[in-house]
């Protein structure tokens, strides 16, 4: 039982830390794809699946971009249609 609590705690900490890291990485990836510097980008709706495919919405200067990243394929961002 103690082992299960320790493992659960480690997983919870890891997930919390990955959220901070993923926002940083999403901003970094978005910078090259949408042409804004990271300080101008706001990240929302981040999702990461079990295969490492990441999606998010990046907003810069009032424009929203739907973005995705997979290590083997790189980053792709497209302007959100209105």
PDB file of N, CA and C in Angstrom:
ATOM      1  N   UNK A   1       0.822  -1.198   0.000  1.00  0.00           N
ATOM      2  CA  UNK A   1       0.000   0.000   0.000  1.00  0.00           C
ATOM      3  C   UNK A   1       0.864   1.259   0.000  1.00  0.00           C
ATOM      4  N   UNK A   2       1.923   1.262   0.829  1.00  0.00           N
ATOM      5  CA  UNK A   2       2.809   2.416   0.866  1.00  0.00           C
ATOM      6  C   UNK A   2       3.448   2.656  -0.496  1.00  0.00           C
ATOM      7  N   UNK A   3       3.845   1.549  -1.134  1.00  0.00           N
ATOM      8  CA  UNK A   3       4.481   1.652  -2.443  1.00  0.00           C
ATOM      9  C   UNK A   3       3.530   2.283  -3.460  1.00  0.00           C
ATOM     10  N   UNK A   4       2.260   1.917  -3.403  1.00  0.00           N
ATOM     11  CA  UNK A   4       1.267   2.459  -4.321  1.00  0.00           C
ATOM     12  C   UNK A   4       1.094   3.962  -4.103  1.00  0.00           C
ATOM     13  N   UNK A   5       1.088   4.410  -2.866  1.00  0.00           N
ATOM     14  CA  UNK A   5       0.952   5.834  -2.553  1.00  0.00           C
ATOM     15  C   UNK A   5       2.158   6.605  -3.076  1.00  0.00           C
ATOM     16  N   UNK A   6       3.350   6.054  -2.887  1.00  0.00           N
ATOM     17  CA  UNK A   6       4.576   6.713  -3.362  1.00  0.00           C
ATOM     18  C   UNK A   6       4.553   6.820  -4.885  1.00  0.00           C
ATOM     19  N   UNK A   7       4.206   5.734  -5.554  1.00  0.00           N
ATOM     20  CA  UNK A   7       4.149   5.747  -7.023  1.00  0.00           C
ATOM     21  C   UNK A   7       3.102   6.750  -7.504  1.00  0.00           C
ATOM     22  N   UNK A   8       1.935   6.778  -6.875  1.00  0.00           N
ATOM     23  CA  UNK A   8       0.885   7.727  -7.248  1.00  0.00           C
ATOM     24  C   UNK A   8       1.348   9.167  -7.060  1.00  0.00           C
ATOM     25  N   UNK A   9       2.058   9.423  -5.965  1.00  0.00           N
ATOM     26  CA  UNK A   9       2.573  10.768  -5.700  1.00  0.00           C
ATOM     27  C   UNK A   9       3.587  11.179  -6.754  1.00  0.00           C
ATOM     28  N   UNK A  10       4.465  10.274  -7.116  1.00  0.00           N
ATOM     29  CA  UNK A  10       5.476  10.569  -8.136  1.00  0.00           C
ATOM     30  C   UNK A  10       4.801  10.864  -9.473  1.00  0.00           C
ATOM     31  N   UNK A  11       3.806  10.080  -9.835  1.00  0.00           N
ATOM     32  CA  UNK A  11       3.083  10.315 -11.087  1.00  0.00           C
ATOM     33  C   UNK A  11       2.376  11.669 -11.073  1.00  0.00           C
ATOM     34  N   UNK A  12       1.754  12.015  -9.958  1.00  0.00           N
ATOM     35  CA  UNK A  12       1.048  13.294  -9.853  1.00  0.00           C
ATOM     36  C   UNK A  12       2.018  14.467  -9.994  1.00  0.00           C
ATOM     37  N   UNK A  13       3.167  14.373  -9.347  1.00  0.00           N
ATOM     38  CA  UNK A  13       4.180  15.433  -9.450  1.00  0.00           C
ATOM     39  C   UNK A  13       4.683  15.532 -10.881  1.00  0.00           C
ATOM     40  N   UNK A  14       4.932  14.389 -11.499  1.00  0.00           N
ATOM     41  CA  UNK A  14       5.404  14.372 -12.882  1.00  0.00           C
ATOM     42  C   UNK A  14       4.409  15.003 -13.830  1.00  0.00           C
ATOM     43  N   UNK A  15       3.135  14.692 -13.659  1.00  0.00           N
ATOM     44  CA  UNK A  15       2.113  15.284 -14.514  1.00  0.00           C
ATOM     45  C   UNK A  15       2.010  16.792 -14.303  1.00  0.00           C
ATOM     46  N   UNK A  16       2.098  17.230 -13.069  1.00  0.00           N
ATOM     47  CA  UNK A  16       2.041  18.671 -12.786  1.00  0.00           C
ATOM     48  C   UNK A  16       3.222  19.392 -13.420  1.00  0.00           C
ATOM     49  N   UNK A  17       4.395  18.806 -13.310  1.00  0.00           N
ATOM     50  CA  UNK A  17       5.592  19.425 -13.884  1.00  0.00           C
ATOM     51  C   UNK A  17       5.535  19.398 -15.412  1.00  0.00           C
ATOM     52  N   UNK A  18       4.986  18.343 -15.993  1.00  0.00           N
ATOM     53  CA  UNK A  18       4.928  18.267 -17.445  1.00  0.00           C
ATOM     54  C   UNK A  18       4.013  19.349 -18.008  1.00  0.00           C
ATOM     55  N   UNK A  19       3.006  19.778 -17.258  1.00  0.00           N
ATOM     56  CA  UNK A  19       2.139  20.860 -17.701  1.00  0.00           C
ATOM     57  C   UNK A  19       2.909  22.149 -17.884  1.00  0.00           C
ATOM     58  N   UNK A  20       3.795  22.468 -16.961  1.00  0.00           N
ATOM     59  CA  UNK A  20       4.625  23.665 -17.076  1.00  0.00           C
ATOM     60  C   UNK A  20       5.582  23.527 -18.248  1.00  0.00           C
ATOM     61  N   UNK A  21       6.192  22.370 -18.355  1.00  0.00           N
ATOM     62  CA  UNK A  21       7.153  22.138 -19.430  1.00  0.00           C
ATOM     63  C   UNK A  21       6.457  22.161 -20.773  1.00  0.00           C
ATOM     64  N   UNK A  22       5.230  21.624 -20.855  1.00  0.00           N
ATOM     65  CA  UNK A  22       4.553  21.572 -22.142  1.00  0.00           C
ATOM     66  C   UNK A  22       4.155  22.967 -22.619  1.00  0.00           C
ATOM     67  N   UNK A  23       3.758  23.860 -21.709  1.00  0.00           N
ATOM     68  CA  UNK A  23       3.457  25.240 -22.106  1.00  0.00           C
ATOM     69  C   UNK A  23       4.703  25.906 -22.678  1.00  0.00           C
ATOM     70  N   UNK A  24       5.838  25.692 -22.019  1.00  0.00           N
ATOM     71  CA  UNK A  24       7.100  26.250 -22.508  1.00  0.00           C
ATOM     72  C   UNK A  24       7.413  25.712 -23.898  1.00  0.00           C
ATOM     73  N   UNK A  25       7.282  24.393 -24.076  1.00  0.00           N
ATOM     74  CA  UNK A  25       7.595  23.777 -25.366  1.00  0.00           C
ATOM     75  C   UNK A  25       6.586  24.212 -26.427  1.00  0.00           C
ATOM     76  N   UNK A  26       5.311  24.307 -26.071  1.00  0.00           N
ATOM     77  CA  UNK A  26       4.300  24.746 -27.036  1.00  0.00           C
ATOM     78  C   UNK A  26       4.604  26.160 -27.522  1.00  0.00           C
ATOM     79  N   UNK A  27       5.018  27.041 -26.614  1.00  0.00           N
ATOM     80  CA  UNK A  27       5.405  28.399 -27.018  1.00  0.00           C
ATOM     81  C   UNK A  27       6.617  28.353 -27.941  1.00  0.00           C
ATOM     82  N   UNK A  28       7.605  27.546 -27.582  1.00  0.00           N
ATOM     83  CA  UNK A  28       8.824  27.421 -28.390  1.00  0.00           C
ATOM     84  C   UNK A  28       8.489  26.913 -29.797  1.00  0.00           C
ATOM     85  N   UNK A  29       7.676  25.864 -29.872  1.00  0.00           N
ATOM     86  CA  UNK A  29       7.297  25.312 -31.173  1.00  0.00           C
ATOM     87  C   UNK A  29       6.453  26.300 -31.969  1.00  0.00           C
ATOM     88  N   UNK A  30       5.548  27.015 -31.294  1.00  0.00           N
ATOM     89  CA  UNK A  30       4.662  27.965 -31.979  1.00  0.00           C
ATOM     90  C   UNK A  30       5.436  29.128 -32.578  1.00  0.00           C
ATOM     91  N   UNK A  31       6.477  29.563 -31.901  1.00  0.00           N
ATOM     92  CA  UNK A  31       7.253  30.713 -32.357  1.00  0.00           C
ATOM     93  C   UNK A  31       7.672  30.564 -33.812  1.00  0.00           C
ATOM     94  N   UNK A  32       8.248  29.440 -34.150  1.00  0.00           N
ATOM     95  CA  UNK A  32       8.694  29.221 -35.525  1.00  0.00           C
ATOM     96  C   UNK A  32       7.548  29.033 -36.498  1.00  0.00           C
ATOM     97  N   UNK A  33       6.440  28.495 -36.031  1.00  0.00           N
ATOM     98  CA  UNK A  33       5.328  28.174 -36.920  1.00  0.00           C
ATOM     99  C   UNK A  33       4.413  29.363 -37.212  1.00  0.00           C
ATOM    100  N   UNK A  34       4.287  30.312 -36.269  1.00  0.00           N
ATOM    101  CA  UNK A  34       3.350  31.426 -36.490  1.00  0.00           C
ATOM    102  C   UNK A  34       4.043  32.786 -36.605  1.00  0.00           C
ATOM    103  N   UNK A  35       5.338  32.833 -36.353  1.00  0.00           N
ATOM    104  CA  UNK A  35       6.078  34.070 -36.557  1.00  0.00           C
ATOM    105  C   UNK A  35       5.953  35.099 -35.449  1.00  0.00           C
ATOM    106  N   UNK A  36       5.590  34.696 -34.247  1.00  0.00           N
ATOM    107  CA  UNK A  36       5.547  35.598 -33.095  1.00  0.00           C
ATOM    108  C   UNK A  36       6.598  35.147 -32.090  1.00  0.00           C
ATOM    109  N   UNK A  37       7.137  36.078 -31.329  1.00  0.00           N
ATOM    110  CA  UNK A  37       8.078  35.695 -30.279  1.00  0.00           C
ATOM    111  C   UNK A  37       7.297  35.099 -29.113  1.00  0.00           C
ATOM    112  N   UNK A  38       7.950  34.252 -28.325  1.00  0.00           N
ATOM    113  CA  UNK A  38       7.244  33.507 -27.274  1.00  0.00           C
ATOM    114  C   UNK A  38       6.548  34.408 -26.256  1.00  0.00           C
ATOM    115  N   UNK A  39       7.083  35.593 -25.998  1.00  0.00           N
ATOM    116  CA  UNK A  39       6.443  36.512 -25.044  1.00  0.00           C
ATOM    117  C   UNK A  39       5.082  37.010 -25.535  1.00  0.00           C
ATOM    118  N   UNK A  40       4.840  36.943 -26.850  1.00  0.00           N
ATOM    119  CA  UNK A  40       3.580  37.405 -27.421  1.00  0.00           C
ATOM    120  C   UNK A  40       2.542  36.285 -27.537  1.00  0.00           C
ATOM    121  N   UNK A  41       2.937  35.050 -27.223  1.00  0.00           N
ATOM    122  CA  UNK A  41       2.076  33.896 -27.445  1.00  0.00           C
ATOM    123  C   UNK A  41       1.430  33.428 -26.144  1.00  0.00           C
ATOM    124  N   UNK A  42       0.112  33.171 -26.214  1.00  0.00           N
ATOM    125  CA  UNK A  42      -0.609  32.571 -25.097  1.00  0.00           C
ATOM    126  C   UNK A  42      -1.036  31.166 -25.537  1.00  0.00           C
ATOM    127  N   UNK A  43      -0.823  30.177 -24.684  1.00  0.00           N
ATOM    128  CA  UNK A  43      -1.140  28.788 -24.995  1.00  0.00           C
ATOM    129  C   UNK A  43      -2.373  28.355 -24.206  1.00  0.00           C
ATOM    130  N   UNK A  44      -3.302  27.673 -24.903  1.00  0.00           N
ATOM    131  CA  UNK A  44      -4.519  27.140 -24.272  1.00  0.00           C
ATOM    132  C   UNK A  44      -4.796  25.742 -24.818  1.00  0.00           C
ATOM    133  N   UNK A  45      -5.660  25.030 -24.131  1.00  0.00           N
ATOM    134  CA  UNK A  45      -6.193  23.739 -24.582  1.00  0.00           C
ATOM    135  C   UNK A  45      -5.122  22.735 -25.001  1.00  0.00           C
ATOM    136  N   UNK A  46      -4.063  22.620 -24.202  1.00  0.00           N
ATOM    137  CA  UNK A  46      -3.020  21.645 -24.517  1.00  0.00           C
ATOM    138  C   UNK A  46      -3.524  20.229 -24.268  1.00  0.00           C
ATOM    139  N   UNK A  47      -3.209  19.356 -25.196  1.00  0.00           N
ATOM    140  CA  UNK A  47      -3.556  17.942 -25.038  1.00  0.00           C
ATOM    141  C   UNK A  47      -2.376  17.114 -25.507  1.00  0.00           C
ATOM    142  N   UNK A  48      -2.083  16.061 -24.762  1.00  0.00           N
ATOM    143  CA  UNK A  48      -0.993  15.150 -25.101  1.00  0.00           C
ATOM    144  C   UNK A  48      -1.532  13.736 -25.039  1.00  0.00           C
ATOM    145  N   UNK A  49      -1.375  12.981 -26.137  1.00  0.00           N
ATOM    146  CA  UNK A  49      -1.852  11.603 -26.095  1.00  0.00           C
ATOM    147  C   UNK A  49      -0.708  10.658 -25.726  1.00  0.00           C
ATOM    148  N   UNK A  50      -1.026   9.395 -25.586  1.00  0.00           N
ATOM    149  CA  UNK A  50      -0.051   8.402 -25.125  1.00  0.00           C
ATOM    150  C   UNK A  50       1.070   8.158 -26.132  1.00  0.00           C
ATOM    151  N   UNK A  51       0.878   8.559 -27.387  1.00  0.00           N
ATOM    152  CA  UNK A  51       1.901   8.354 -28.414  1.00  0.00           C
ATOM    153  C   UNK A  51       2.816   9.564 -28.575  1.00  0.00           C
ATOM    154  N   UNK A  52       2.567  10.619 -27.786  1.00  0.00           N
ATOM    155  CA  UNK A  52       3.412  11.804 -27.838  1.00  0.00           C
ATOM    156  C   UNK A  52       2.901  12.885 -28.772  1.00  0.00           C
ATOM    157  N   UNK A  53       1.716  12.704 -29.357  1.00  0.00           N
ATOM    158  CA  UNK A  53       1.119  13.708 -30.234  1.00  0.00           C
ATOM    159  C   UNK A  53       0.524  14.809 -29.365  1.00  0.00           C
ATOM    160  N   UNK A  54       0.960  16.045 -29.580  1.00  0.00           N
ATOM    161  CA  UNK A  54       0.536  17.172 -28.762  1.00  0.00           C
ATOM    162  C   UNK A  54      -0.251  18.161 -29.616  1.00  0.00           C
ATOM    163  N   UNK A  55      -1.351  18.665 -29.081  1.00  0.00           N
ATOM    164  CA  UNK A  55      -2.123  19.716 -29.753  1.00  0.00           C
ATOM    165  C   UNK A  55      -2.366  20.854 -28.771  1.00  0.00           C
ATOM    166  N   UNK A  56      -2.527  22.050 -29.293  1.00  0.00           N
ATOM    167  CA  UNK A  56      -2.809  23.221 -28.458  1.00  0.00           C
ATOM    168  C   UNK A  56      -3.324  24.348 -29.337  1.00  0.00           C
ATOM    169  N   UNK A  57      -3.827  25.396 -28.693  1.00  0.00           N
ATOM    170  CA  UNK A  57      -4.242  26.619 -29.375  1.00  0.00           C
ATOM    171  C   UNK A  57      -3.277  27.714 -28.939  1.00  0.00           C
ATOM    172  N   UNK A  58      -2.654  28.359 -29.915  1.00  0.00           N
ATOM    173  CA  UNK A  58      -1.738  29.468 -29.650  1.00  0.00           C
ATOM    174  C   UNK A  58      -2.414  30.756 -30.111  1.00  0.00           C
ATOM    175  N   UNK A  59      -2.363  31.781 -29.269  1.00  0.00           N
ATOM    176  CA  UNK A  59      -2.936  33.074 -29.628  1.00  0.00           C
ATOM    177  C   UNK A  59      -1.826  34.112 -29.628  1.00  0.00           C
ATOM    178  N   UNK A  60      -1.775  34.897 -30.719  1.00  0.00           N
ATOM    179  CA  UNK A  60      -0.778  35.960 -30.834  1.00  0.00           C
ATOM    180  C   UNK A  60      -1.405  37.135 -31.566  1.00  0.00           C
ATOM    181  N   UNK A  61      -1.300  38.313 -30.974  1.00  0.00           N
ATOM    182  CA  UNK A  61      -1.814  39.544 -31.572  1.00  0.00           C
ATOM    183  C   UNK A  61      -3.270  39.397 -32.011  1.00  0.00           C
ATOM    184  N   UNK A  62      -4.073  38.726 -31.178  1.00  0.00           N
ATOM    185  CA  UNK A  62      -5.494  38.576 -31.444  1.00  0.00           C
ATOM    186  C   UNK A  62      -5.855  37.459 -32.410  1.00  0.00           C
ATOM    187  N   UNK A  63      -4.883  36.814 -33.006  1.00  0.00           N
ATOM    188  CA  UNK A  63      -5.158  35.718 -33.942  1.00  0.00           C
ATOM    189  C   UNK A  63      -4.916  34.379 -33.266  1.00  0.00           C
ATOM    190  N   UNK A  64      -5.857  33.434 -33.453  1.00  0.00           N
ATOM    191  CA  UNK A  64      -5.732  32.095 -32.860  1.00  0.00           C
ATOM    192  C   UNK A  64      -5.237  31.108 -33.906  1.00  0.00           C
ATOM    193  N   UNK A  65      -4.356  30.212 -33.473  1.00  0.00           N
ATOM    194  CA  UNK A  65      -3.785  29.182 -34.332  1.00  0.00           C
ATOM    195  C   UNK A  65      -3.998  27.819 -33.673  1.00  0.00           C
ATOM    196  N   UNK A  66      -4.423  26.838 -34.463  1.00  0.00           N
ATOM    197  CA  UNK A  66      -4.553  25.466 -33.998  1.00  0.00           C
ATOM    198  C   UNK A  66      -3.225  24.793 -34.345  1.00  0.00           C
ATOM    199  N   UNK A  67      -2.547  24.277 -33.328  1.00  0.00           N
ATOM    200  CA  UNK A  67      -1.202  23.736 -33.527  1.00  0.00           C
ATOM    201  C   UNK A  67      -1.117  22.273 -33.093  1.00  0.00           C
ATOM    202  N   UNK A  68      -0.171  21.576 -33.701  1.00  0.00           N
ATOM    203  CA  UNK A  68       0.103  20.195 -33.314  1.00  0.00           C
ATOM    204  C   UNK A  68       1.598  19.936 -33.455  1.00  0.00           C
ATOM    205  N   UNK A  69       2.076  18.951 -32.705  1.00  0.00           N
ATOM    206  CA  UNK A  69       3.491  18.585 -32.764  1.00  0.00           C
ATOM    207  C   UNK A  69       3.648  17.094 -32.508  1.00  0.00           C
ATOM    208  N   UNK A  70       4.490  16.497 -33.321  1.00  0.00           N
ATOM    209  CA  UNK A  70       4.920  15.123 -33.130  1.00  0.00           C
ATOM    210  C   UNK A  70       6.402  15.117 -33.452  1.00  0.00           C
ATOM    211  N   UNK A  71       7.223  14.546 -32.574  1.00  0.00           N
ATOM    212  CA  UNK A  71       8.672  14.625 -32.738  1.00  0.00           C
ATOM    213  C   UNK A  71       9.139  14.232 -34.141  1.00  0.00           C
ATOM    214  N   UNK A  72       8.585  13.182 -34.710  1.00  0.00           N
ATOM    215  CA  UNK A  72       9.011  12.731 -36.043  1.00  0.00           C
ATOM    216  C   UNK A  72       8.552  13.644 -37.170  1.00  0.00           C
ATOM    217  N   UNK A  73       7.489  14.416 -36.927  1.00  0.00           N
ATOM    218  CA  UNK A  73       6.896  15.231 -37.990  1.00  0.00           C
ATOM    219  C   UNK A  73       7.077  16.732 -37.789  1.00  0.00           C
ATOM    220  N   UNK A  74       7.457  17.176 -36.610  1.00  0.00           N
ATOM    221  CA  UNK A  74       7.627  18.594 -36.342  1.00  0.00           C
ATOM    222  C   UNK A  74       6.330  19.251 -35.911  1.00  0.00           C
ATOM    223  N   UNK A  75       6.273  20.585 -36.086  1.00  0.00           N
ATOM    224  CA  UNK A  75       5.141  21.377 -35.627  1.00  0.00           C
ATOM    225  C   UNK A  75       4.372  21.935 -36.806  1.00  0.00           C
ATOM    226  N   UNK A  76       3.062  21.968 -36.674  1.00  0.00           N
ATOM    227  CA  UNK A  76       2.194  22.536 -37.698  1.00  0.00           C
ATOM    228  C   UNK A  76       1.173  23.428 -36.998  1.00  0.00           C
ATOM    229  N   UNK A  77       1.061  24.676 -37.435  1.00  0.00           N
ATOM    230  CA  UNK A  77       0.044  25.597 -36.914  1.00  0.00           C
ATOM    231  C   UNK A  77      -0.716  26.209 -38.079  1.00  0.00           C
ATOM    232  N   UNK A  78      -2.036  26.267 -37.944  1.00  0.00           N
ATOM    233  CA  UNK A  78      -2.880  26.898 -38.965  1.00  0.00           C
ATOM    234  C   UNK A  78      -3.799  27.893 -38.293  1.00  0.00           C
ATOM    235  N   UNK A  79      -4.046  29.018 -38.991  1.00  0.00           N
ATOM    236  CA  UNK A  79      -4.971  30.006 -38.453  1.00  0.00           C
ATOM    237  C   UNK A  79      -6.346  29.372 -38.253  1.00  0.00           C
ATOM    238  N   UNK A  80      -6.933  29.671 -37.110  1.00  0.00           N
ATOM    239  CA  UNK A  80      -8.281  29.172 -36.836  1.00  0.00           C
ATOM    240  C   UNK A  80      -9.260  29.902 -37.739  1.00  0.00           C
ATOM    241  N   UNK A  81     -10.153  29.143 -38.397  1.00  0.00           N
ATOM    242  CA  UNK A  81     -11.142  29.788 -39.246  1.00  0.00           C
ATOM    243  C   UNK A  81     -12.213  30.444 -38.389  1.00  0.00           C
ATOM    244  N   UNK A  82     -12.685  31.563 -38.871  1.00  0.00           N
ATOM    245  CA  UNK A  82     -13.681  32.332 -38.111  1.00  0.00           C
ATOM    246  C   UNK A  82     -15.063  32.007 -38.543  1.00  0.00           C
TER     247      UNK A  82
END
